[in-house]
């Protein structure tokens, strides 16, 4: 019975992974994955690492790792970075690996508004470890090996992402389009195209305590993040409260009011702390869908280190007002 359950869970997870990309609850704490426009957004150097364990009640169901490095090039008014992401599902049997280069160009539209287009070019690979799977003939006959002829264990391709980010010292709004090259991830030799993913995000910074024209040391950040990929859509709506060195956040994920995409996925709580140039964040997803009580939610940890920052004397605020990259 345990083996039947394991197979059911594996194929259930596989279909979910084919349906949508990995995602982070702390999407502003994974800036280059959210939008290539965030490359160089600290006007210095930045190292970011992220870890997400989704549905821990199902052993190693979804585990995602991400790492990025980016820095600002003042002579070119540009941001340049690299990003690595890996997701494993089903005890590592099914994996997705992305590695690429990120570039952004910073445009000053006016004294108050700026615009940053960004691009991400990557190598992507899908892998499957067949020796960790159990096939039908092994269940019925209790054979150690299977008579199934496995397809290829890895498939690779190239992909690209484009984005744009507009912001002032109080507002920000961005658009990201992923999978522009629609890579083929089929492991059977057929065509299995990854659908284009559209993301729209934005928010506003509301200062609570501020002295003169300096950056406020206490603020509220109402924000949203909408994603659509193939037949799937999702909305994140929430609020950050930031009072240095602390950050607290609460988010709702789902689309219950749209009949085309009915869903109630999760509630998320976030906490963050800043020590000099080092930031750490933790979030926990509380499942409120029909899987509530079966998954144990999701745990996520983000680490950010900023250093070597460059800022022109007349610039009074950071390159963007979003709470995540600065945590």
C-alpha atoms as a PDB file:
ATOM      1  CA  UNK A   1       0.000   0.000   0.000  1.00  0.00           C
ATOM      2  CA  UNK A   2       2.849   2.410   0.818  1.00  0.00           C
ATOM      3  CA  UNK A   3       4.308   1.844  -2.640  1.00  0.00           C
ATOM      4  CA  UNK A   4       0.971   2.609  -4.323  1.00  0.00           C
ATOM      5  CA  UNK A   5       0.659   5.793  -2.279  1.00  0.00           C
ATOM      6  CA  UNK A   6       4.213   6.797  -3.187  1.00  0.00           C
ATOM      7  CA  UNK A   7       3.500   6.397  -6.898  1.00  0.00           C
ATOM      8  CA  UNK A   8       0.277   8.388  -6.642  1.00  0.00           C
ATOM      9  CA  UNK A   9       2.049  11.212  -4.810  1.00  0.00           C
ATOM     10  CA  UNK A  10       4.898  11.226  -7.336  1.00  0.00           C
ATOM     11  CA  UNK A  11       2.653  11.545 -10.374  1.00  0.00           C
ATOM     12  CA  UNK A  12       0.504  14.125  -8.572  1.00  0.00           C
ATOM     13  CA  UNK A  13       3.598  16.199  -7.847  1.00  0.00           C
ATOM     14  CA  UNK A  14       4.898  15.723 -11.383  1.00  0.00           C
ATOM     15  CA  UNK A  15       1.717  17.169 -12.901  1.00  0.00           C
ATOM     16  CA  UNK A  16       1.890  20.155 -10.568  1.00  0.00           C
ATOM     17  CA  UNK A  17       5.477  20.877 -11.529  1.00  0.00           C
ATOM     18  CA  UNK A  18       4.659  20.654 -15.211  1.00  0.00           C
ATOM     19  CA  UNK A  19       1.828  23.113 -14.596  1.00  0.00           C
ATOM     20  CA  UNK A  20       3.794  25.980 -13.072  1.00  0.00           C
ATOM     21  CA  UNK A  21       7.269  27.244 -12.243  1.00  0.00           C
ATOM     22  CA  UNK A  22       8.850  27.276  -8.790  1.00  0.00           C
ATOM     23  CA  UNK A  23       7.702  30.220  -6.709  1.00  0.00           C
ATOM     24  CA  UNK A  24       8.798  32.022  -3.566  1.00  0.00           C
ATOM     25  CA  UNK A  25       6.563  33.520  -0.912  1.00  0.00           C
ATOM     26  CA  UNK A  26       9.337  36.053  -0.249  1.00  0.00           C
ATOM     27  CA  UNK A  27       9.481  37.045  -3.905  1.00  0.00           C
ATOM     28  CA  UNK A  28      11.018  40.455  -3.143  1.00  0.00           C
ATOM     29  CA  UNK A  29      13.795  38.603  -1.302  1.00  0.00           C
ATOM     30  CA  UNK A  30      14.554  36.737  -4.541  1.00  0.00           C
ATOM     31  CA  UNK A  31      14.815  39.857  -6.719  1.00  0.00           C
ATOM     32  CA  UNK A  32      16.478  38.516  -9.862  1.00  0.00           C
ATOM     33  CA  UNK A  33      14.003  35.626 -10.064  1.00  0.00           C
ATOM     34  CA  UNK A  34      11.088  38.044  -9.718  1.00  0.00           C
ATOM     35  CA  UNK A  35      12.431  40.470 -12.325  1.00  0.00           C
ATOM     36  CA  UNK A  36      15.789  40.912 -14.126  1.00  0.00           C
ATOM     37  CA  UNK A  37      15.214  44.663 -13.735  1.00  0.00           C
ATOM     38  CA  UNK A  38      16.338  44.335 -10.107  1.00  0.00           C
ATOM     39  CA  UNK A  39      19.928  43.605 -11.191  1.00  0.00           C
ATOM     40  CA  UNK A  40      22.105  46.337  -9.697  1.00  0.00           C
ATOM     41  CA  UNK A  41      19.170  47.726  -7.740  1.00  0.00           C
ATOM     42  CA  UNK A  42      21.237  48.299  -4.588  1.00  0.00           C
ATOM     43  CA  UNK A  43      23.762  50.500  -6.400  1.00  0.00           C
ATOM     44  CA  UNK A  44      26.431  48.132  -5.142  1.00  0.00           C
ATOM     45  CA  UNK A  45      27.062  44.399  -4.824  1.00  0.00           C
ATOM     46  CA  UNK A  46      24.571  41.863  -3.495  1.00  0.00           C
ATOM     47  CA  UNK A  47      24.561  38.139  -2.751  1.00  0.00           C
ATOM     48  CA  UNK A  48      21.184  36.425  -2.275  1.00  0.00           C
ATOM     49  CA  UNK A  49      20.357  32.851  -1.307  1.00  0.00           C
ATOM     50  CA  UNK A  50      16.895  31.309  -0.900  1.00  0.00           C
ATOM     51  CA  UNK A  51      15.599  27.982   0.374  1.00  0.00           C
ATOM     52  CA  UNK A  52      11.987  26.778   0.197  1.00  0.00           C
ATOM     53  CA  UNK A  53      10.535  23.507   1.507  1.00  0.00           C
ATOM     54  CA  UNK A  54       6.965  23.190   0.276  1.00  0.00           C
ATOM     55  CA  UNK A  55       4.578  20.585   1.695  1.00  0.00           C
ATOM     56  CA  UNK A  56       7.077  18.963   4.117  1.00  0.00           C
ATOM     57  CA  UNK A  57       4.415  16.402   5.149  1.00  0.00           C
ATOM     58  CA  UNK A  58       5.117  14.759   1.777  1.00  0.00           C
ATOM     59  CA  UNK A  59       8.755  13.755   2.104  1.00  0.00           C
ATOM     60  CA  UNK A  60      10.925  15.993  -0.114  1.00  0.00           C
ATOM     61  CA  UNK A  61       7.949  16.872  -2.303  1.00  0.00           C
ATOM     62  CA  UNK A  62       9.086  20.344  -3.420  1.00  0.00           C
ATOM     63  CA  UNK A  63      12.462  21.719  -2.368  1.00  0.00           C
ATOM     64  CA  UNK A  64      13.808  24.818  -4.134  1.00  0.00           C
ATOM     65  CA  UNK A  65      17.252  26.410  -3.866  1.00  0.00           C
ATOM     66  CA  UNK A  66      18.270  29.718  -5.441  1.00  0.00           C
ATOM     67  CA  UNK A  67      21.464  31.755  -5.481  1.00  0.00           C
ATOM     68  CA  UNK A  68      22.253  35.045  -7.197  1.00  0.00           C
ATOM     69  CA  UNK A  69      24.939  37.697  -7.333  1.00  0.00           C
ATOM     70  CA  UNK A  70      24.534  41.116  -8.910  1.00  0.00           C
ATOM     71  CA  UNK A  71      26.313  44.453  -8.891  1.00  0.00           C
ATOM     72  CA  UNK A  72      25.907  47.969 -10.231  1.00  0.00           C
ATOM     73  CA  UNK A  73      28.198  49.343 -12.956  1.00  0.00           C
ATOM     74  CA  UNK A  74      28.165  53.157 -12.521  1.00  0.00           C
ATOM     75  CA  UNK A  75      30.200  53.842 -15.671  1.00  0.00           C
ATOM     76  CA  UNK A  76      27.596  51.992 -17.790  1.00  0.00           C
ATOM     77  CA  UNK A  77      24.565  52.901 -15.659  1.00  0.00           C
ATOM     78  CA  UNK A  78      23.756  49.177 -15.718  1.00  0.00           C
ATOM     79  CA  UNK A  79      23.260  46.183 -13.476  1.00  0.00           C
ATOM     80  CA  UNK A  80      24.871  42.801 -14.147  1.00  0.00           C
ATOM     81  CA  UNK A  81      24.333  39.510 -12.346  1.00  0.00           C
ATOM     82  CA  UNK A  82      24.192  35.723 -12.399  1.00  0.00           C
ATOM     83  CA  UNK A  83      21.455  33.471 -11.083  1.00  0.00           C
ATOM     84  CA  UNK A  84      21.205  29.769 -10.271  1.00  0.00           C
ATOM     85  CA  UNK A  85      17.996  27.946  -9.326  1.00  0.00           C
ATOM     86  CA  UNK A  86      17.277  24.281  -8.686  1.00  0.00           C
ATOM     87  CA  UNK A  87      14.028  22.565  -7.740  1.00  0.00           C
ATOM     88  CA  UNK A  88      13.787  18.916  -6.646  1.00  0.00           C
ATOM     89  CA  UNK A  89      10.622  16.872  -6.292  1.00  0.00           C
ATOM     90  CA  UNK A  90       9.967  13.352  -5.065  1.00  0.00           C
ATOM     91  CA  UNK A  91      13.243  12.623  -3.241  1.00  0.00           C
ATOM     92  CA  UNK A  92      15.180  14.312  -6.038  1.00  0.00           C
ATOM     93  CA  UNK A  93      13.773  12.056  -8.782  1.00  0.00           C
ATOM     94  CA  UNK A  94      12.476  15.011 -10.812  1.00  0.00           C
ATOM     95  CA  UNK A  95      14.597  18.160 -10.952  1.00  0.00           C
ATOM     96  CA  UNK A  96      14.770  21.476 -12.777  1.00  0.00           C
ATOM     97  CA  UNK A  97      17.989  23.482 -12.973  1.00  0.00           C
ATOM     98  CA  UNK A  98      18.400  27.001 -14.369  1.00  0.00           C
ATOM     99  CA  UNK A  99      21.607  29.011 -14.648  1.00  0.00           C
ATOM    100  CA  UNK A 100      21.976  32.296 -16.471  1.00  0.00           C
ATOM    101  CA  UNK A 101      23.181  35.890 -16.843  1.00  0.00           C
ATOM    102  CA  UNK A 102      21.068  38.920 -15.916  1.00  0.00           C
ATOM    103  CA  UNK A 103      21.402  42.473 -17.279  1.00  0.00           C
ATOM    104  CA  UNK A 104      19.518  45.717 -16.621  1.00  0.00           C
ATOM    105  CA  UNK A 105      19.847  49.313 -17.811  1.00  0.00           C
ATOM    106  CA  UNK A 106      18.866  52.220 -15.545  1.00  0.00           C
ATOM    107  CA  UNK A 107      17.034  55.139 -17.161  1.00  0.00           C
ATOM    108  CA  UNK A 108      16.174  58.360 -15.326  1.00  0.00           C
ATOM    109  CA  UNK A 109      12.848  59.550 -16.768  1.00  0.00           C
ATOM    110  CA  UNK A 110      12.557  62.618 -14.532  1.00  0.00           C
ATOM    111  CA  UNK A 111      13.658  63.878 -11.158  1.00  0.00           C
ATOM    112  CA  UNK A 112      11.074  61.591  -9.519  1.00  0.00           C
ATOM    113  CA  UNK A 113      10.642  58.643 -11.876  1.00  0.00           C
ATOM    114  CA  UNK A 114      13.014  56.007 -13.222  1.00  0.00           C
ATOM    115  CA  UNK A 115      12.623  53.044 -15.524  1.00  0.00           C
ATOM    116  CA  UNK A 116      14.729  49.873 -15.696  1.00  0.00           C
ATOM    117  CA  UNK A 117      14.386  47.294 -18.507  1.00  0.00           C
ATOM    118  CA  UNK A 118      15.990  43.939 -17.752  1.00  0.00           C
ATOM    119  CA  UNK A 119      16.893  40.691 -19.522  1.00  0.00           C
ATOM    120  CA  UNK A 120      17.787  37.203 -18.341  1.00  0.00           C
ATOM    121  CA  UNK A 121      19.344  34.565 -20.625  1.00  0.00           C
ATOM    122  CA  UNK A 122      19.691  31.075 -19.178  1.00  0.00           C
ATOM    123  CA  UNK A 123      20.492  27.424 -19.657  1.00  0.00           C
ATOM    124  CA  UNK A 124      17.702  25.174 -18.366  1.00  0.00           C
ATOM    125  CA  UNK A 125      17.738  21.431 -17.694  1.00  0.00           C
ATOM    126  CA  UNK A 126      15.071  18.927 -16.613  1.00  0.00           C
ATOM    127  CA  UNK A 127      16.243  15.635 -15.100  1.00  0.00           C
ATOM    128  CA  UNK A 128      14.650  12.415 -13.830  1.00  0.00           C
ATOM    129  CA  UNK A 129      16.385   9.618 -11.890  1.00  0.00           C
ATOM    130  CA  UNK A 130      14.593   6.494 -13.104  1.00  0.00           C
ATOM    131  CA  UNK A 131      16.304   4.178 -10.630  1.00  0.00           C
ATOM    132  CA  UNK A 132      14.339   5.913  -7.851  1.00  0.00           C
ATOM    133  CA  UNK A 133      10.958   5.222  -9.486  1.00  0.00           C
ATOM    134  CA  UNK A 134       8.649   2.238  -9.071  1.00  0.00           C
ATOM    135  CA  UNK A 135       6.781   0.935 -12.146  1.00  0.00           C
ATOM    136  CA  UNK A 136       3.681  -1.224 -12.463  1.00  0.00           C
ATOM    137  CA  UNK A 137       5.459  -4.509 -13.176  1.00  0.00           C
ATOM    138  CA  UNK A 138       7.562  -4.043 -10.026  1.00  0.00           C
ATOM    139  CA  UNK A 139       4.397  -3.712  -7.941  1.00  0.00           C
ATOM    140  CA  UNK A 140       2.581  -6.680  -9.439  1.00  0.00           C
ATOM    141  CA  UNK A 141       5.505  -9.052  -9.721  1.00  0.00           C
ATOM    142  CA  UNK A 142       7.697  -7.561  -6.985  1.00  0.00           C
ATOM    143  CA  UNK A 143      10.648  -7.408  -9.389  1.00  0.00           C
ATOM    144  CA  UNK A 144      13.742  -5.449  -8.448  1.00  0.00           C
ATOM    145  CA  UNK A 145      14.016  -4.052 -11.974  1.00  0.00           C
ATOM    146  CA  UNK A 146      11.397  -2.946 -14.458  1.00  0.00           C
ATOM    147  CA  UNK A 147      10.651  -4.074 -17.986  1.00  0.00           C
ATOM    148  CA  UNK A 148       9.748  -0.465 -18.843  1.00  0.00           C
ATOM    149  CA  UNK A 149      12.099   1.132 -21.341  1.00  0.00           C
ATOM    150  CA  UNK A 150      13.010   4.498 -19.787  1.00  0.00           C
ATOM    151  CA  UNK A 151      13.285   7.588 -21.966  1.00  0.00           C
ATOM    152  CA  UNK A 152      16.183  10.032 -21.659  1.00  0.00           C
ATOM    153  CA  UNK A 153      17.123  11.068 -18.133  1.00  0.00           C
ATOM    154  CA  UNK A 154      17.919  14.713 -18.999  1.00  0.00           C
ATOM    155  CA  UNK A 155      16.661  17.339 -21.387  1.00  0.00           C
ATOM    156  CA  UNK A 156      18.254  20.747 -21.827  1.00  0.00           C
ATOM    157  CA  UNK A 157      17.406  23.959 -23.674  1.00  0.00           C
ATOM    158  CA  UNK A 158      17.911  27.736 -23.552  1.00  0.00           C
ATOM    159  CA  UNK A 159      15.421  30.334 -22.372  1.00  0.00           C
ATOM    160  CA  UNK A 160      15.024  34.086 -21.863  1.00  0.00           C
ATOM    161  CA  UNK A 161      13.132  36.563 -19.681  1.00  0.00           C
ATOM    162  CA  UNK A 162      12.356  40.255 -20.237  1.00  0.00           C
ATOM    163  CA  UNK A 163      11.086  42.770 -17.699  1.00  0.00           C
ATOM    164  CA  UNK A 164      10.449  46.423 -16.990  1.00  0.00           C
ATOM    165  CA  UNK A 165      10.312  48.301 -13.684  1.00  0.00           C
ATOM    166  CA  UNK A 166       9.084  51.880 -13.134  1.00  0.00           C
ATOM    167  CA  UNK A 167       9.356  53.539  -9.719  1.00  0.00           C
ATOM    168  CA  UNK A 168       9.534  56.732  -7.715  1.00  0.00           C
ATOM    169  CA  UNK A 169      10.480  57.210  -4.074  1.00  0.00           C
ATOM    170  CA  UNK A 170       6.984  56.028  -3.051  1.00  0.00           C
ATOM    171  CA  UNK A 171       5.568  53.851  -5.863  1.00  0.00           C
ATOM    172  CA  UNK A 172       6.761  50.932  -7.945  1.00  0.00           C
ATOM    173  CA  UNK A 173       5.247  48.865 -10.761  1.00  0.00           C
ATOM    174  CA  UNK A 174       6.806  46.068 -12.770  1.00  0.00           C
ATOM    175  CA  UNK A 175       6.066  43.531 -15.510  1.00  0.00           C
ATOM    176  CA  UNK A 176       8.005  40.310 -16.194  1.00  0.00           C
ATOM    177  CA  UNK A 177       7.584  37.890 -19.103  1.00  0.00           C
ATOM    178  CA  UNK A 178       9.292  34.513 -18.583  1.00  0.00           C
ATOM    179  CA  UNK A 179       9.965  31.655 -21.033  1.00  0.00           C
ATOM    180  CA  UNK A 180      10.128  33.845 -24.119  1.00  0.00           C
ATOM    181  CA  UNK A 181      11.876  31.006 -26.000  1.00  0.00           C
ATOM    182  CA  UNK A 182       9.403  28.390 -24.674  1.00  0.00           C
ATOM    183  CA  UNK A 183      11.998  25.659 -23.981  1.00  0.00           C
ATOM    184  CA  UNK A 184      11.253  21.997 -24.564  1.00  0.00           C
ATOM    185  CA  UNK A 185      11.474  19.944 -21.338  1.00  0.00           C
ATOM    186  CA  UNK A 186      10.237  16.612 -22.654  1.00  0.00           C
ATOM    187  CA  UNK A 187      12.095  13.537 -21.407  1.00  0.00           C
ATOM    188  CA  UNK A 188      10.478  11.243 -23.971  1.00  0.00           C
ATOM    189  CA  UNK A 189      11.724  12.842 -27.182  1.00  0.00           C
ATOM    190  CA  UNK A 190       8.385  14.551 -27.808  1.00  0.00           C
ATOM    191  CA  UNK A 191       7.551  18.242 -27.478  1.00  0.00           C
ATOM    192  CA  UNK A 192       6.677  19.531 -24.001  1.00  0.00           C
ATOM    193  CA  UNK A 193       6.799  23.318 -24.257  1.00  0.00           C
ATOM    194  CA  UNK A 194       6.947  25.455 -21.137  1.00  0.00           C
ATOM    195  CA  UNK A 195       4.166  28.073 -21.425  1.00  0.00           C
ATOM    196  CA  UNK A 196       4.992  31.764 -21.179  1.00  0.00           C
ATOM    197  CA  UNK A 197       4.556  33.169 -17.666  1.00  0.00           C
ATOM    198  CA  UNK A 198       3.338  36.747 -17.165  1.00  0.00           C
ATOM    199  CA  UNK A 199       3.934  38.558 -13.877  1.00  0.00           C
ATOM    200  CA  UNK A 200       2.696  41.962 -12.735  1.00  0.00           C
ATOM    201  CA  UNK A 201       3.758  43.383  -9.383  1.00  0.00           C
ATOM    202  CA  UNK A 202       3.693  46.716  -7.603  1.00  0.00           C
ATOM    203  CA  UNK A 203       3.025  48.609  -4.429  1.00  0.00           C
ATOM    204  CA  UNK A 204       3.387  51.827  -2.477  1.00  0.00           C
ATOM    205  CA  UNK A 205       5.564  52.918   0.424  1.00  0.00           C
ATOM    206  CA  UNK A 206       3.697  54.814   3.154  1.00  0.00           C
ATOM    207  CA  UNK A 207       6.101  56.548   5.578  1.00  0.00           C
ATOM    208  CA  UNK A 208       5.018  56.525   9.218  1.00  0.00           C
ATOM    209  CA  UNK A 209       8.051  58.181  10.797  1.00  0.00           C
ATOM    210  CA  UNK A 210      10.381  60.331   8.723  1.00  0.00           C
ATOM    211  CA  UNK A 211      12.682  63.271   9.408  1.00  0.00           C
ATOM    212  CA  UNK A 212      13.113  65.881   6.702  1.00  0.00           C
ATOM    213  CA  UNK A 213      14.054  64.297   3.346  1.00  0.00           C
ATOM    214  CA  UNK A 214      15.797  61.275   4.801  1.00  0.00           C
ATOM    215  CA  UNK A 215      14.625  57.720   4.202  1.00  0.00           C
ATOM    216  CA  UNK A 216      11.820  56.867   6.673  1.00  0.00           C
ATOM    217  CA  UNK A 217      12.842  54.507   9.452  1.00  0.00           C
ATOM    218  CA  UNK A 218       9.269  53.183   9.777  1.00  0.00           C
ATOM    219  CA  UNK A 219       6.992  52.448   6.793  1.00  0.00           C
ATOM    220  CA  UNK A 220       4.085  50.367   5.534  1.00  0.00           C
ATOM    221  CA  UNK A 221       4.237  48.640   2.149  1.00  0.00           C
ATOM    222  CA  UNK A 222       0.904  47.482   0.659  1.00  0.00           C
ATOM    223  CA  UNK A 223       1.795  45.390  -2.403  1.00  0.00           C
ATOM    224  CA  UNK A 224       0.558  42.790  -4.889  1.00  0.00           C
ATOM    225  CA  UNK A 225       1.962  40.172  -7.267  1.00  0.00           C
ATOM    226  CA  UNK A 226      -0.121  38.576 -10.037  1.00  0.00           C
ATOM    227  CA  UNK A 227       1.077  35.638 -12.162  1.00  0.00           C
ATOM    228  CA  UNK A 228      -0.454  33.779 -15.103  1.00  0.00           C
ATOM    229  CA  UNK A 229       1.060  30.744 -16.823  1.00  0.00           C
ATOM    230  CA  UNK A 230      -0.920  28.607 -19.224  1.00  0.00           C
ATOM    231  CA  UNK A 231      -4.267  27.820 -17.590  1.00  0.00           C
ATOM    232  CA  UNK A 232      -3.014  28.710 -14.109  1.00  0.00           C
ATOM    233  CA  UNK A 233      -3.247  32.114 -12.424  1.00  0.00           C
ATOM    234  CA  UNK A 234      -2.402  33.345  -8.949  1.00  0.00           C
ATOM    235  CA  UNK A 235      -2.557  36.578  -6.963  1.00  0.00           C
ATOM    236  CA  UNK A 236      -0.526  37.546  -3.902  1.00  0.00           C
ATOM    237  CA  UNK A 237      -1.845  40.487  -1.888  1.00  0.00           C
ATOM    238  CA  UNK A 238      -0.255  41.635   1.335  1.00  0.00           C
ATOM    239  CA  UNK A 239       1.311  44.207   3.577  1.00  0.00           C
ATOM    240  CA  UNK A 240       4.808  44.743   4.980  1.00  0.00           C
ATOM    241  CA  UNK A 241       5.597  46.724   8.113  1.00  0.00           C
ATOM    242  CA  UNK A 242       9.207  47.878   8.278  1.00  0.00           C
ATOM    243  CA  UNK A 243      10.814  49.545  11.291  1.00  0.00           C
ATOM    244  CA  UNK A 244      14.558  49.182  11.197  1.00  0.00           C
ATOM    245  CA  UNK A 245      15.928  46.647  11.847  1.00  0.00           C
ATOM    246  CA  UNK A 246      12.667  44.613  11.771  1.00  0.00           C
ATOM    247  CA  UNK A 247      10.338  43.601   8.954  1.00  0.00           C
ATOM    248  CA  UNK A 248       6.947  41.910   9.400  1.00  0.00           C
ATOM    249  CA  UNK A 249       4.589  40.839   6.631  1.00  0.00           C
ATOM    250  CA  UNK A 250       1.279  39.093   6.045  1.00  0.00           C
ATOM    251  CA  UNK A 251       0.064  37.814   2.671  1.00  0.00           C
ATOM    252  CA  UNK A 252      -2.893  36.062   1.081  1.00  0.00           C
ATOM    253  CA  UNK A 253      -2.452  33.872  -2.013  1.00  0.00           C
ATOM    254  CA  UNK A 254      -5.402  32.903  -4.202  1.00  0.00           C
ATOM    255  CA  UNK A 255      -8.050  34.093  -6.670  1.00  0.00           C
ATOM    256  CA  UNK A 256     -11.414  33.264  -5.102  1.00  0.00           C
ATOM    257  CA  UNK A 257     -13.448  35.981  -6.879  1.00  0.00           C
ATOM    258  CA  UNK A 258     -12.601  34.917 -10.451  1.00  0.00           C
ATOM    259  CA  UNK A 259     -14.651  31.986 -11.724  1.00  0.00           C
ATOM    260  CA  UNK A 260     -12.028  31.182 -14.348  1.00  0.00           C
ATOM    261  CA  UNK A 261      -9.301  30.682 -11.706  1.00  0.00           C
ATOM    262  CA  UNK A 262     -11.095  29.792  -8.450  1.00  0.00           C
ATOM    263  CA  UNK A 263      -8.576  29.173  -5.680  1.00  0.00           C
ATOM    264  CA  UNK A 264      -7.762  29.691  -2.016  1.00  0.00           C
ATOM    265  CA  UNK A 265      -4.155  28.628  -1.626  1.00  0.00           C
ATOM    266  CA  UNK A 266      -2.435  29.968   1.482  1.00  0.00           C
ATOM    267  CA  UNK A 267      -1.915  32.640   4.092  1.00  0.00           C
ATOM    268  CA  UNK A 268       1.700  33.587   4.727  1.00  0.00           C
ATOM    269  CA  UNK A 269       3.466  35.317   7.598  1.00  0.00           C
ATOM    270  CA  UNK A 270       6.966  36.777   7.291  1.00  0.00           C
ATOM    271  CA  UNK A 271       9.598  38.085   9.688  1.00  0.00           C
ATOM    272  CA  UNK A 272      12.893  39.737   8.824  1.00  0.00           C
ATOM    273  CA  UNK A 273      15.871  41.260  10.607  1.00  0.00           C
ATOM    274  CA  UNK A 274      18.740  43.413   9.380  1.00  0.00           C
ATOM    275  CA  UNK A 275      22.219  43.373  10.915  1.00  0.00           C
ATOM    276  CA  UNK A 276      24.412  46.011   9.257  1.00  0.00           C
ATOM    277  CA  UNK A 277      24.584  44.872   5.620  1.00  0.00           C
ATOM    278  CA  UNK A 278      23.223  41.400   6.309  1.00  0.00           C
ATOM    279  CA  UNK A 279      19.506  40.530   6.093  1.00  0.00           C
ATOM    280  CA  UNK A 280      17.690  37.355   7.042  1.00  0.00           C
ATOM    281  CA  UNK A 281      14.036  36.522   6.427  1.00  0.00           C
ATOM    282  CA  UNK A 282      11.732  33.647   7.311  1.00  0.00           C
ATOM    283  CA  UNK A 283       8.193  32.918   6.110  1.00  0.00           C
ATOM    284  CA  UNK A 284       5.650  30.193   6.694  1.00  0.00           C
ATOM    285  CA  UNK A 285       2.717  29.367   4.413  1.00  0.00           C
ATOM    286  CA  UNK A 286      -0.493  28.215   6.090  1.00  0.00           C
ATOM    287  CA  UNK A 287      -2.397  26.060   3.600  1.00  0.00           C
ATOM    288  CA  UNK A 288      -6.092  27.003   3.340  1.00  0.00           C
ATOM    289  CA  UNK A 289      -6.973  24.991   0.230  1.00  0.00           C
ATOM    290  CA  UNK A 290      -8.538  21.508   0.217  1.00  0.00           C
ATOM    291  CA  UNK A 291      -5.076  20.208   1.146  1.00  0.00           C
ATOM    292  CA  UNK A 292      -5.201  21.979   4.527  1.00  0.00           C
ATOM    293  CA  UNK A 293      -4.015  19.661   7.287  1.00  0.00           C
ATOM    294  CA  UNK A 294      -2.213  17.329   4.872  1.00  0.00           C
ATOM    295  CA  UNK A 295       0.832  19.317   3.719  1.00  0.00           C
ATOM    296  CA  UNK A 296       2.216  21.179   6.776  1.00  0.00           C
ATOM    297  CA  UNK A 297       2.404  24.347   4.667  1.00  0.00           C
ATOM    298  CA  UNK A 298       5.770  25.633   3.467  1.00  0.00           C
ATOM    299  CA  UNK A 299       8.928  26.995   5.095  1.00  0.00           C
ATOM    300  CA  UNK A 300      11.143  29.557   3.401  1.00  0.00           C
ATOM    301  CA  UNK A 301      14.425  31.234   4.367  1.00  0.00           C
ATOM    302  CA  UNK A 302      16.201  34.082   2.585  1.00  0.00           C
ATOM    303  CA  UNK A 303      19.673  35.524   3.191  1.00  0.00           C
ATOM    304  CA  UNK A 304      20.870  38.795   1.627  1.00  0.00           C
ATOM    305  CA  UNK A 305      24.282  40.439   1.897  1.00  0.00           C
ATOM    306  CA  UNK A 306      24.814  43.932   0.452  1.00  0.00           C
ATOM    307  CA  UNK A 307      28.234  45.560   0.194  1.00  0.00           C
ATOM    308  CA  UNK A 308      30.318  48.032  -1.810  1.00  0.00           C
ATOM    309  CA  UNK A 309      27.350  50.327  -2.460  1.00  0.00           C
ATOM    310  CA  UNK A 310      27.733  53.284  -4.786  1.00  0.00           C
ATOM    311  CA  UNK A 311      25.323  56.234  -4.606  1.00  0.00           C
ATOM    312  CA  UNK A 312      25.518  59.606  -6.311  1.00  0.00           C
ATOM    313  CA  UNK A 313      25.458  62.532  -3.851  1.00  0.00           C
ATOM    314  CA  UNK A 314      22.135  63.899  -5.174  1.00  0.00           C
ATOM    315  CA  UNK A 315      20.327  60.576  -4.876  1.00  0.00           C
ATOM    316  CA  UNK A 316      18.246  60.577  -1.692  1.00  0.00           C
ATOM    317  CA  UNK A 317      16.652  57.151  -1.909  1.00  0.00           C
ATOM    318  CA  UNK A 318      17.606  53.663  -2.909  1.00  0.00           C
ATOM    319  CA  UNK A 319      17.246  52.579  -6.510  1.00  0.00           C
ATOM    320  CA  UNK A 320      13.795  51.176  -5.717  1.00  0.00           C
ATOM    321  CA  UNK A 321      11.389  51.493  -2.777  1.00  0.00           C
ATOM    322  CA  UNK A 322      10.418  47.783  -2.677  1.00  0.00           C
ATOM    323  CA  UNK A 323      10.833  46.275   0.789  1.00  0.00           C
ATOM    324  CA  UNK A 324      12.205  42.871  -0.286  1.00  0.00           C
ATOM    325  CA  UNK A 325      15.638  43.615  -1.799  1.00  0.00           C
ATOM    326  CA  UNK A 326      16.483  45.824   1.168  1.00  0.00           C
ATOM    327  CA  UNK A 327      14.472  43.600   3.557  1.00  0.00           C
END
